[in-house]
C-alpha cells in the first residue's frame, strides 16, 4: 500500500495502523495508516478485492477494525459505543454509495432530508436547503416522487444532495460515478471537488484514472 503523507495541513481524521479481516487469519487490510487533511480530495484506487470499499466503511465508522483505530479531530473512536459512533457519523460525515441507496418507500425530498433526523433536526428546517440542492444538481423531478420513478442518474444526484445536506466535514464516496453517463459523472466529481474546497476531507473509491488525476492524493491498495 502507498499512502502519501500530508505534511502542509492539519489532519482532520486518520487511520492508525488499521487491520481488518472478515475471516480470521486472513486480513483484507493490515497495518493501514493514512492522514486526511481538510480541503483535500483523496482517491482510493487499486484492483478489485483489495479492500477499498472495506476501508471506506472503516473510515466511516460502519465497521470496527480488529486492530488500530480511526481518529476524528485527533480523538480516538475505538472505545465509542454504537450510539456514539452513529452520532458522530450524523454530525461529521456524508456518504455517497455506488447504487445511491435511496429508500424506495420515501419520497425524493424525504430521502434527501432524512439525515437531519439523525442530528435531531426537524425536516421542515432543512427543506429549503434540500430543494436548493436538488435544483443546483438538476434533479428535474417532483420532490414527491419515489426513487422508483427516477432514472439512475437522477437517483445518484439525489444521493449526492443527501450527502451534502449538512455540509459534512468528511465526505466518503464509493464508486459514485460507476453507473453514470459522462455528463452526470462530471457533475458529481465537480461537486465533490468543490465540497473539498470548502474545507472538507473528501475520499473517493474509484477505478477511474481520470477521477484519480483530479484528486490531491491517491492511495493505492
C-alpha atoms as a PDB file:
ATOM      1  CA  UNK A   1       0.000   0.000   0.000  1.00  0.00           C
ATOM      2  CA  UNK A   2       1.119   3.539  -0.634  1.00  0.00           C
ATOM      3  CA  UNK A   3      -0.291   6.475   1.255  1.00  0.00           C
ATOM      4  CA  UNK A   4       1.376   9.833   0.619  1.00  0.00           C
ATOM      5  CA  UNK A   5       1.639  11.803   3.844  1.00  0.00           C
ATOM      6  CA  UNK A   6       0.014  15.211   4.140  1.00  0.00           C
ATOM      7  CA  UNK A   7       2.643  17.489   5.659  1.00  0.00           C
ATOM      8  CA  UNK A   8       1.390  21.008   4.992  1.00  0.00           C
ATOM      9  CA  UNK A   9      -2.102  20.867   6.554  1.00  0.00           C
ATOM     10  CA  UNK A  10      -3.510  19.687   9.838  1.00  0.00           C
ATOM     11  CA  UNK A  11      -5.157  16.276   9.947  1.00  0.00           C
ATOM     12  CA  UNK A  12      -8.953  16.206  10.039  1.00  0.00           C
ATOM     13  CA  UNK A  13      -9.149  12.469  10.555  1.00  0.00           C
ATOM     14  CA  UNK A  14      -6.864   9.493  10.248  1.00  0.00           C
ATOM     15  CA  UNK A  15      -6.460   5.731  10.158  1.00  0.00           C
ATOM     16  CA  UNK A  16      -3.750   4.490  12.515  1.00  0.00           C
ATOM     17  CA  UNK A  17      -2.318   1.001  11.900  1.00  0.00           C
ATOM     18  CA  UNK A  18      -5.745  -0.402  10.976  1.00  0.00           C
ATOM     19  CA  UNK A  19      -6.213  -4.128  10.386  1.00  0.00           C
ATOM     20  CA  UNK A  20      -9.486  -5.727   9.325  1.00  0.00           C
ATOM     21  CA  UNK A  21     -10.477  -9.278   8.441  1.00  0.00           C
ATOM     22  CA  UNK A  22     -13.766 -10.909   7.504  1.00  0.00           C
ATOM     23  CA  UNK A  23     -12.246 -14.365   8.002  1.00  0.00           C
ATOM     24  CA  UNK A  24      -9.996 -14.965  10.998  1.00  0.00           C
ATOM     25  CA  UNK A  25      -6.355 -15.057   9.988  1.00  0.00           C
ATOM     26  CA  UNK A  26      -6.978 -13.582   6.521  1.00  0.00           C
ATOM     27  CA  UNK A  27      -6.774  -9.788   6.811  1.00  0.00           C
ATOM     28  CA  UNK A  28      -8.100  -7.792   3.877  1.00  0.00           C
ATOM     29  CA  UNK A  29      -6.341  -4.713   5.320  1.00  0.00           C
ATOM     30  CA  UNK A  30      -3.282  -4.937   7.541  1.00  0.00           C
ATOM     31  CA  UNK A  31      -1.472  -2.099   9.306  1.00  0.00           C
ATOM     32  CA  UNK A  32      -3.033   0.634   7.162  1.00  0.00           C
ATOM     33  CA  UNK A  33      -2.274   4.217   8.165  1.00  0.00           C
ATOM     34  CA  UNK A  34      -3.123   7.492   6.451  1.00  0.00           C
ATOM     35  CA  UNK A  35      -3.930  11.087   7.353  1.00  0.00           C
ATOM     36  CA  UNK A  36      -6.691  13.082   5.666  1.00  0.00           C
ATOM     37  CA  UNK A  37      -6.425  16.854   5.725  1.00  0.00           C
ATOM     38  CA  UNK A  38      -9.222  19.432   5.432  1.00  0.00           C
ATOM     39  CA  UNK A  39      -9.587  20.920   1.985  1.00  0.00           C
ATOM     40  CA  UNK A  40      -8.325  17.841   0.153  1.00  0.00           C
ATOM     41  CA  UNK A  41      -9.761  15.130  -2.085  1.00  0.00           C
ATOM     42  CA  UNK A  42      -8.233  11.642  -1.884  1.00  0.00           C
ATOM     43  CA  UNK A  43      -8.690   8.759  -4.337  1.00  0.00           C
ATOM     44  CA  UNK A  44      -8.598   5.170  -3.069  1.00  0.00           C
ATOM     45  CA  UNK A  45      -7.545   3.028  -6.041  1.00  0.00           C
ATOM     46  CA  UNK A  46      -6.299  -0.475  -6.807  1.00  0.00           C
ATOM     47  CA  UNK A  47      -7.548  -3.831  -8.136  1.00  0.00           C
ATOM     48  CA  UNK A  48     -10.904  -5.266  -7.098  1.00  0.00           C
ATOM     49  CA  UNK A  49     -10.793  -7.240  -3.878  1.00  0.00           C
ATOM     50  CA  UNK A  50      -8.018  -5.218  -2.255  1.00  0.00           C
ATOM     51  CA  UNK A  51     -10.254  -3.686   0.408  1.00  0.00           C
ATOM     52  CA  UNK A  52     -11.072  -0.229  -0.957  1.00  0.00           C
ATOM     53  CA  UNK A  53     -14.763  -0.294  -0.045  1.00  0.00           C
ATOM     54  CA  UNK A  54     -13.981  -2.017   3.247  1.00  0.00           C
ATOM     55  CA  UNK A  55     -11.564   0.789   4.077  1.00  0.00           C
ATOM     56  CA  UNK A  56     -14.234   3.360   3.269  1.00  0.00           C
ATOM     57  CA  UNK A  57     -16.671   1.673   5.667  1.00  0.00           C
ATOM     58  CA  UNK A  58     -13.975   1.568   8.344  1.00  0.00           C
ATOM     59  CA  UNK A  59     -13.250   5.256   7.840  1.00  0.00           C
ATOM     60  CA  UNK A  60     -16.986   5.925   8.034  1.00  0.00           C
ATOM     61  CA  UNK A  61     -17.251   4.085  11.374  1.00  0.00           C
ATOM     62  CA  UNK A  62     -19.613   1.491   9.944  1.00  0.00           C
ATOM     63  CA  UNK A  63     -17.126  -1.339  10.582  1.00  0.00           C
ATOM     64  CA  UNK A  64     -14.839  -1.918  13.563  1.00  0.00           C
ATOM     65  CA  UNK A  65     -11.184  -2.765  12.884  1.00  0.00           C
ATOM     66  CA  UNK A  66      -9.674  -5.785  14.629  1.00  0.00           C
ATOM     67  CA  UNK A  67      -6.611  -3.652  15.372  1.00  0.00           C
ATOM     68  CA  UNK A  68      -5.709   0.006  15.102  1.00  0.00           C
ATOM     69  CA  UNK A  69      -8.101   2.910  15.263  1.00  0.00           C
ATOM     70  CA  UNK A  70      -9.821   5.705  13.392  1.00  0.00           C
ATOM     71  CA  UNK A  71      -9.324   9.190  14.810  1.00  0.00           C
ATOM     72  CA  UNK A  72     -11.574  12.185  14.129  1.00  0.00           C
ATOM     73  CA  UNK A  73     -10.132  15.592  15.017  1.00  0.00           C
ATOM     74  CA  UNK A  74      -7.413  13.690  16.853  1.00  0.00           C
ATOM     75  CA  UNK A  75      -9.888  11.820  19.062  1.00  0.00           C
ATOM     76  CA  UNK A  76      -9.927   8.029  19.018  1.00  0.00           C
ATOM     77  CA  UNK A  77     -13.207   6.308  18.097  1.00  0.00           C
ATOM     78  CA  UNK A  78     -12.012   2.882  19.295  1.00  0.00           C
ATOM     79  CA  UNK A  79     -13.935   2.909  22.590  1.00  0.00           C
ATOM     80  CA  UNK A  80     -17.088   4.560  21.290  1.00  0.00           C
ATOM     81  CA  UNK A  81     -20.306   2.556  21.532  1.00  0.00           C
ATOM     82  CA  UNK A  82     -22.667   2.226  18.579  1.00  0.00           C
ATOM     83  CA  UNK A  83     -24.799   5.194  19.637  1.00  0.00           C
ATOM     84  CA  UNK A  84     -21.759   7.451  19.949  1.00  0.00           C
ATOM     85  CA  UNK A  85     -20.435   6.346  16.556  1.00  0.00           C
ATOM     86  CA  UNK A  86     -23.842   6.937  14.965  1.00  0.00           C
ATOM     87  CA  UNK A  87     -23.992  10.432  16.473  1.00  0.00           C
ATOM     88  CA  UNK A  88     -20.500  11.248  15.170  1.00  0.00           C
ATOM     89  CA  UNK A  89     -21.410   9.957  11.683  1.00  0.00           C
ATOM     90  CA  UNK A  90     -24.546  12.101  11.625  1.00  0.00           C
ATOM     91  CA  UNK A  91     -22.636  15.176  12.779  1.00  0.00           C
ATOM     92  CA  UNK A  92     -19.437  14.960  10.734  1.00  0.00           C
ATOM     93  CA  UNK A  93     -19.905  12.551   7.808  1.00  0.00           C
ATOM     94  CA  UNK A  94     -21.659  12.378   4.462  1.00  0.00           C
ATOM     95  CA  UNK A  95     -21.874   9.261   2.267  1.00  0.00           C
ATOM     96  CA  UNK A  96     -22.417   8.646  -1.441  1.00  0.00           C
ATOM     97  CA  UNK A  97     -22.832   4.987  -2.377  1.00  0.00           C
ATOM     98  CA  UNK A  98     -22.421   3.394  -5.791  1.00  0.00           C
ATOM     99  CA  UNK A  99     -26.069   2.328  -6.019  1.00  0.00           C
ATOM    100  CA  UNK A 100     -27.431   5.568  -4.477  1.00  0.00           C
ATOM    101  CA  UNK A 101     -29.007   3.530  -1.615  1.00  0.00           C
ATOM    102  CA  UNK A 102     -32.251   5.503  -1.567  1.00  0.00           C
ATOM    103  CA  UNK A 103     -35.237   4.365   0.497  1.00  0.00           C
ATOM    104  CA  UNK A 104     -37.809   3.249  -2.079  1.00  0.00           C
ATOM    105  CA  UNK A 105     -40.677   3.810   0.350  1.00  0.00           C
ATOM    106  CA  UNK A 106     -39.916   7.515   0.836  1.00  0.00           C
ATOM    107  CA  UNK A 107     -40.180  10.491  -1.480  1.00  0.00           C
ATOM    108  CA  UNK A 108     -37.221  12.132  -3.147  1.00  0.00           C
ATOM    109  CA  UNK A 109     -37.397  15.022  -0.683  1.00  0.00           C
ATOM    110  CA  UNK A 110     -37.643  12.734   2.334  1.00  0.00           C
ATOM    111  CA  UNK A 111     -34.595  10.793   1.139  1.00  0.00           C
ATOM    112  CA  UNK A 112     -32.568  13.991   0.973  1.00  0.00           C
ATOM    113  CA  UNK A 113     -33.705  15.298   4.365  1.00  0.00           C
ATOM    114  CA  UNK A 114     -33.535  12.017   6.322  1.00  0.00           C
ATOM    115  CA  UNK A 115     -30.025  12.770   7.618  1.00  0.00           C
ATOM    116  CA  UNK A 116     -31.470  15.718   9.538  1.00  0.00           C
ATOM    117  CA  UNK A 117     -33.407  13.287  11.721  1.00  0.00           C
ATOM    118  CA  UNK A 118     -30.187  11.608  12.837  1.00  0.00           C
ATOM    119  CA  UNK A 119     -28.974  15.008  14.033  1.00  0.00           C
ATOM    120  CA  UNK A 120     -32.203  15.764  15.864  1.00  0.00           C
ATOM    121  CA  UNK A 121     -33.222  18.487  13.404  1.00  0.00           C
ATOM    122  CA  UNK A 122     -36.838  18.730  12.182  1.00  0.00           C
ATOM    123  CA  UNK A 123     -37.206  18.030   8.467  1.00  0.00           C
ATOM    124  CA  UNK A 124     -39.012  21.308   7.759  1.00  0.00           C
ATOM    125  CA  UNK A 125     -35.987  23.351   8.840  1.00  0.00           C
ATOM    126  CA  UNK A 126     -33.747  21.755   6.186  1.00  0.00           C
ATOM    127  CA  UNK A 127     -36.338  21.513   3.406  1.00  0.00           C
ATOM    128  CA  UNK A 128     -35.303  24.830   1.752  1.00  0.00           C
ATOM    129  CA  UNK A 129     -31.669  23.666   1.665  1.00  0.00           C
ATOM    130  CA  UNK A 130     -32.733  20.276   0.233  1.00  0.00           C
ATOM    131  CA  UNK A 131     -34.810  21.886  -2.521  1.00  0.00           C
ATOM    132  CA  UNK A 132     -31.932  24.230  -3.332  1.00  0.00           C
ATOM    133  CA  UNK A 133     -29.547  21.280  -3.716  1.00  0.00           C
ATOM    134  CA  UNK A 134     -31.995  19.367  -5.922  1.00  0.00           C
ATOM    135  CA  UNK A 135     -32.267  22.429  -8.159  1.00  0.00           C
ATOM    136  CA  UNK A 136     -28.500  23.031  -8.178  1.00  0.00           C
ATOM    137  CA  UNK A 137     -27.812  19.492  -9.357  1.00  0.00           C
ATOM    138  CA  UNK A 138     -30.564  19.456 -11.943  1.00  0.00           C
ATOM    139  CA  UNK A 139     -32.812  16.827 -10.378  1.00  0.00           C
ATOM    140  CA  UNK A 140     -35.714  17.822 -12.568  1.00  0.00           C
ATOM    141  CA  UNK A 141     -38.412  15.698 -10.915  1.00  0.00           C
ATOM    142  CA  UNK A 142     -41.162  16.447  -8.444  1.00  0.00           C
ATOM    143  CA  UNK A 143     -39.826  16.109  -4.871  1.00  0.00           C
ATOM    144  CA  UNK A 144     -42.886  13.990  -4.065  1.00  0.00           C
ATOM    145  CA  UNK A 145     -41.818  11.222  -6.452  1.00  0.00           C
ATOM    146  CA  UNK A 146     -40.443   7.921  -5.183  1.00  0.00           C
ATOM    147  CA  UNK A 147     -36.950   6.652  -6.144  1.00  0.00           C
ATOM    148  CA  UNK A 148     -38.513   4.015  -8.395  1.00  0.00           C
ATOM    149  CA  UNK A 149     -39.843   6.827 -10.572  1.00  0.00           C
ATOM    150  CA  UNK A 150     -36.476   8.441 -11.366  1.00  0.00           C
ATOM    151  CA  UNK A 151     -33.549   7.492 -13.597  1.00  0.00           C
ATOM    152  CA  UNK A 152     -30.268   6.076 -12.320  1.00  0.00           C
ATOM    153  CA  UNK A 153     -28.507   9.361 -12.937  1.00  0.00           C
ATOM    154  CA  UNK A 154     -31.180  11.288 -11.082  1.00  0.00           C
ATOM    155  CA  UNK A 155     -31.013   8.825  -8.187  1.00  0.00           C
ATOM    156  CA  UNK A 156     -27.269   9.348  -7.829  1.00  0.00           C
ATOM    157  CA  UNK A 157     -27.707  13.117  -7.849  1.00  0.00           C
ATOM    158  CA  UNK A 158     -30.394  12.760  -5.165  1.00  0.00           C
ATOM    159  CA  UNK A 159     -27.908  10.719  -3.128  1.00  0.00           C
ATOM    160  CA  UNK A 160     -25.335  13.491  -3.611  1.00  0.00           C
ATOM    161  CA  UNK A 161     -27.847  16.073  -2.338  1.00  0.00           C
ATOM    162  CA  UNK A 162     -28.470  13.903   0.729  1.00  0.00           C
ATOM    163  CA  UNK A 163     -24.732  13.642   1.393  1.00  0.00           C
ATOM    164  CA  UNK A 164     -24.209  17.394   1.099  1.00  0.00           C
ATOM    165  CA  UNK A 165     -27.268  18.460   3.094  1.00  0.00           C
ATOM    166  CA  UNK A 166     -25.400  19.107   6.347  1.00  0.00           C
ATOM    167  CA  UNK A 167     -22.179  20.317   4.655  1.00  0.00           C
ATOM    168  CA  UNK A 168     -20.198  17.429   6.207  1.00  0.00           C
ATOM    169  CA  UNK A 169     -16.572  17.898   7.192  1.00  0.00           C
ATOM    170  CA  UNK A 170     -15.865  14.353   5.946  1.00  0.00           C
ATOM    171  CA  UNK A 171     -17.468  13.022   2.759  1.00  0.00           C
ATOM    172  CA  UNK A 172     -16.958   9.410   1.655  1.00  0.00           C
ATOM    173  CA  UNK A 173     -17.940   8.215  -1.825  1.00  0.00           C
ATOM    174  CA  UNK A 174     -17.842   4.598  -3.043  1.00  0.00           C
ATOM    175  CA  UNK A 175     -17.551   4.465  -6.858  1.00  0.00           C
ATOM    176  CA  UNK A 176     -20.011   7.363  -7.114  1.00  0.00           C
ATOM    177  CA  UNK A 177     -19.763   7.551 -10.932  1.00  0.00           C
ATOM    178  CA  UNK A 178     -19.651   3.838 -11.712  1.00  0.00           C
ATOM    179  CA  UNK A 179     -23.122   3.660 -13.290  1.00  0.00           C
ATOM    180  CA  UNK A 180     -23.404   7.184 -14.664  1.00  0.00           C
ATOM    181  CA  UNK A 181     -23.217   8.773 -18.096  1.00  0.00           C
ATOM    182  CA  UNK A 182     -20.183  11.053 -18.648  1.00  0.00           C
ATOM    183  CA  UNK A 183     -22.094  14.300 -18.129  1.00  0.00           C
ATOM    184  CA  UNK A 184     -23.621  13.198 -14.817  1.00  0.00           C
ATOM    185  CA  UNK A 185     -20.289  11.715 -13.716  1.00  0.00           C
ATOM    186  CA  UNK A 186     -18.559  15.047 -14.355  1.00  0.00           C
ATOM    187  CA  UNK A 187     -21.240  16.857 -12.350  1.00  0.00           C
ATOM    188  CA  UNK A 188     -20.783  14.511  -9.378  1.00  0.00           C
ATOM    189  CA  UNK A 189     -16.969  14.725  -9.407  1.00  0.00           C
ATOM    190  CA  UNK A 190     -17.055  18.508  -9.713  1.00  0.00           C
ATOM    191  CA  UNK A 191     -19.461  18.735  -6.778  1.00  0.00           C
ATOM    192  CA  UNK A 192     -17.201  16.529  -4.642  1.00  0.00           C
ATOM    193  CA  UNK A 193     -14.146  18.566  -5.623  1.00  0.00           C
ATOM    194  CA  UNK A 194     -15.925  21.841  -4.854  1.00  0.00           C
ATOM    195  CA  UNK A 195     -17.028  20.499  -1.486  1.00  0.00           C
ATOM    196  CA  UNK A 196     -13.444  19.630  -0.570  1.00  0.00           C
ATOM    197  CA  UNK A 197     -12.503  23.230  -1.259  1.00  0.00           C
ATOM    198  CA  UNK A 198     -14.877  24.365   1.486  1.00  0.00           C
ATOM    199  CA  UNK A 199     -12.511  22.738   3.996  1.00  0.00           C
ATOM    200  CA  UNK A 200     -13.866  19.209   3.955  1.00  0.00           C
ATOM    201  CA  UNK A 201     -11.929  15.987   3.503  1.00  0.00           C
ATOM    202  CA  UNK A 202     -13.370  14.017   0.583  1.00  0.00           C
ATOM    203  CA  UNK A 203     -12.373  10.377  -0.014  1.00  0.00           C
ATOM    204  CA  UNK A 204     -13.440   8.571  -3.190  1.00  0.00           C
ATOM    205  CA  UNK A 205     -13.134   4.882  -4.051  1.00  0.00           C
ATOM    206  CA  UNK A 206     -12.610   4.762  -7.811  1.00  0.00           C
ATOM    207  CA  UNK A 207     -11.231   2.674 -10.667  1.00  0.00           C
ATOM    208  CA  UNK A 208     -11.119   5.744 -12.918  1.00  0.00           C
ATOM    209  CA  UNK A 209      -7.681   7.223 -13.673  1.00  0.00           C
ATOM    210  CA  UNK A 210      -9.431  10.436 -14.738  1.00  0.00           C
ATOM    211  CA  UNK A 211     -11.045  10.863 -11.323  1.00  0.00           C
ATOM    212  CA  UNK A 212      -7.835   9.962  -9.514  1.00  0.00           C
ATOM    213  CA  UNK A 213      -5.992  12.581 -11.563  1.00  0.00           C
ATOM    214  CA  UNK A 214      -8.147  15.429 -10.212  1.00  0.00           C
ATOM    215  CA  UNK A 215      -7.635  14.361  -6.595  1.00  0.00           C
ATOM    216  CA  UNK A 216      -4.941  15.882  -4.383  1.00  0.00           C
ATOM    217  CA  UNK A 217      -3.742  12.468  -3.206  1.00  0.00           C
ATOM    218  CA  UNK A 218      -4.011   8.892  -4.478  1.00  0.00           C
ATOM    219  CA  UNK A 219      -3.780   5.948  -2.105  1.00  0.00           C
ATOM    220  CA  UNK A 220      -3.330   2.696  -3.995  1.00  0.00           C
ATOM    221  CA  UNK A 221      -4.233  -0.516  -2.174  1.00  0.00           C
END
